[in-house]
Amino acid sequence: MIKVKSRVGESVQQMVKRFKKMCEKEGVIRDMKRISYYEKPSEKKRRRMRKSQRGTVALY
C-alpha cells in the first residue's frame, strides 16, 4: 500500500503529484490497466514468452 504523508509547507497538489509518481514507480497503474479487461490464457502465455525473450541475449 502506498502512503503519502504531508511534508511541512507542502500543498495538496504537490502531495498528489508525489502520490502519482510513487504509483507509477511501483507499477500500480500499469497493473490496473492490465487487469481491467479479460485476457485469455493463451494471450497471457504469449505475453510471458515475449517478455522472457526480450531479456535473453542471443550470442551468434
C-alpha atoms as a PDB file:
ATOM      1  CA  MET A   1       0.000   0.000   0.000  1.00  0.00           C
ATOM      2  CA  ILE A   2       1.301   3.414  -0.928  1.00  0.00           C
ATOM      3  CA  LYS A   3       1.100   6.112   1.718  1.00  0.00           C
ATOM      4  CA  VAL A   4       1.934   9.788   1.340  1.00  0.00           C
ATOM      5  CA  LYS A   5       2.458  11.910   4.426  1.00  0.00           C
ATOM      6  CA  SER A   6       2.258  15.664   4.252  1.00  0.00           C
ATOM      7  CA  ARG A   7       5.555  17.473   4.470  1.00  0.00           C
ATOM      8  CA  VAL A   8       5.996  20.852   6.123  1.00  0.00           C
ATOM      9  CA  GLY A   9       4.779  23.596   3.805  1.00  0.00           C
ATOM     10  CA  GLU A  10       3.652  21.140   1.091  1.00  0.00           C
ATOM     11  CA  SER A  11       0.469  21.875  -0.848  1.00  0.00           C
ATOM     12  CA  VAL A  12      -2.183  19.311  -1.732  1.00  0.00           C
ATOM     13  CA  GLN A  13      -1.218  19.495  -5.407  1.00  0.00           C
ATOM     14  CA  GLN A  14       2.382  18.602  -4.560  1.00  0.00           C
ATOM     15  CA  MET A  15       1.197  15.653  -2.446  1.00  0.00           C
ATOM     16  CA  VAL A  16      -0.978  14.365  -5.303  1.00  0.00           C
ATOM     17  CA  LYS A  17       1.932  14.736  -7.721  1.00  0.00           C
ATOM     18  CA  ARG A  18       4.183  12.763  -5.347  1.00  0.00           C
ATOM     19  CA  PHE A  19       1.496  10.077  -4.938  1.00  0.00           C
ATOM     20  CA  LYS A  20       1.099   9.678  -8.712  1.00  0.00           C
ATOM     21  CA  LYS A  21       4.870   9.408  -9.110  1.00  0.00           C
ATOM     22  CA  MET A  22       5.027   6.686  -6.445  1.00  0.00           C
ATOM     23  CA  CYS A  23       2.171   4.777  -8.128  1.00  0.00           C
ATOM     24  CA  GLU A  24       3.954   4.974 -11.464  1.00  0.00           C
ATOM     25  CA  LYS A  25       7.216   3.769  -9.910  1.00  0.00           C
ATOM     26  CA  GLU A  26       5.526   0.795  -8.205  1.00  0.00           C
ATOM     27  CA  GLY A  27       3.655  -0.172 -11.385  1.00  0.00           C
ATOM     28  CA  VAL A  28       0.208   0.149  -9.805  1.00  0.00           C
ATOM     29  CA  ILE A  29      -1.305   1.990 -12.760  1.00  0.00           C
ATOM     30  CA  ARG A  30       0.175  -0.441 -15.287  1.00  0.00           C
ATOM     31  CA  ASP A  31      -1.217  -3.414 -13.349  1.00  0.00           C
ATOM     32  CA  MET A  32      -4.655  -1.816 -13.058  1.00  0.00           C
ATOM     33  CA  LYS A  33      -4.802  -1.241 -16.802  1.00  0.00           C
ATOM     34  CA  ARG A  34      -3.670  -4.805 -17.490  1.00  0.00           C
ATOM     35  CA  ILE A  35      -6.272  -6.452 -15.265  1.00  0.00           C
ATOM     36  CA  SER A  36      -9.126  -4.127 -16.230  1.00  0.00           C
ATOM     37  CA  TYR A  37     -10.030  -6.434 -19.125  1.00  0.00           C
ATOM     38  CA  TYR A  38     -10.120 -10.202 -19.581  1.00  0.00           C
ATOM     39  CA  GLU A  39      -7.017 -11.754 -21.066  1.00  0.00           C
ATOM     40  CA  LYS A  40      -7.219 -15.238 -22.486  1.00  0.00           C
ATOM     41  CA  PRO A  41      -4.758 -17.782 -21.043  1.00  0.00           C
ATOM     42  CA  SER A  42      -3.114 -18.139 -24.470  1.00  0.00           C
ATOM     43  CA  GLU A  43      -2.542 -14.365 -24.589  1.00  0.00           C
ATOM     44  CA  LYS A  44      -1.020 -14.430 -21.093  1.00  0.00           C
ATOM     45  CA  LYS A  45       1.336 -17.197 -22.183  1.00  0.00           C
ATOM     46  CA  ARG A  46       2.270 -15.300 -25.357  1.00  0.00           C
ATOM     47  CA  ARG A  47       2.970 -12.123 -23.334  1.00  0.00           C
ATOM     48  CA  ARG A  48       5.173 -14.013 -20.858  1.00  0.00           C
ATOM     49  CA  MET A  49       7.096 -15.681 -23.695  1.00  0.00           C
ATOM     50  CA  ARG A  50       7.758 -12.340 -25.399  1.00  0.00           C
ATOM     51  CA  LYS A  51       8.883 -10.829 -22.106  1.00  0.00           C
ATOM     52  CA  SER A  52      11.305 -13.693 -21.437  1.00  0.00           C
ATOM     53  CA  GLN A  53      12.712 -13.469 -24.979  1.00  0.00           C
ATOM     54  CA  ARG A  54      13.376  -9.742 -24.605  1.00  0.00           C
ATOM     55  CA  GLY A  55      15.548 -10.459 -21.575  1.00  0.00           C
ATOM     56  CA  THR A  56      17.578 -13.079 -23.417  1.00  0.00           C
ATOM     57  CA  VAL A  57      20.671 -12.020 -25.367  1.00  0.00           C
ATOM     58  CA  ALA A  58      21.499 -14.090 -28.431  1.00  0.00           C
ATOM     59  CA  LEU A  59      25.170 -14.802 -28.913  1.00  0.00           C
ATOM     60  CA  TYR A  60      25.849 -15.771 -32.532  1.00  0.00           C
END
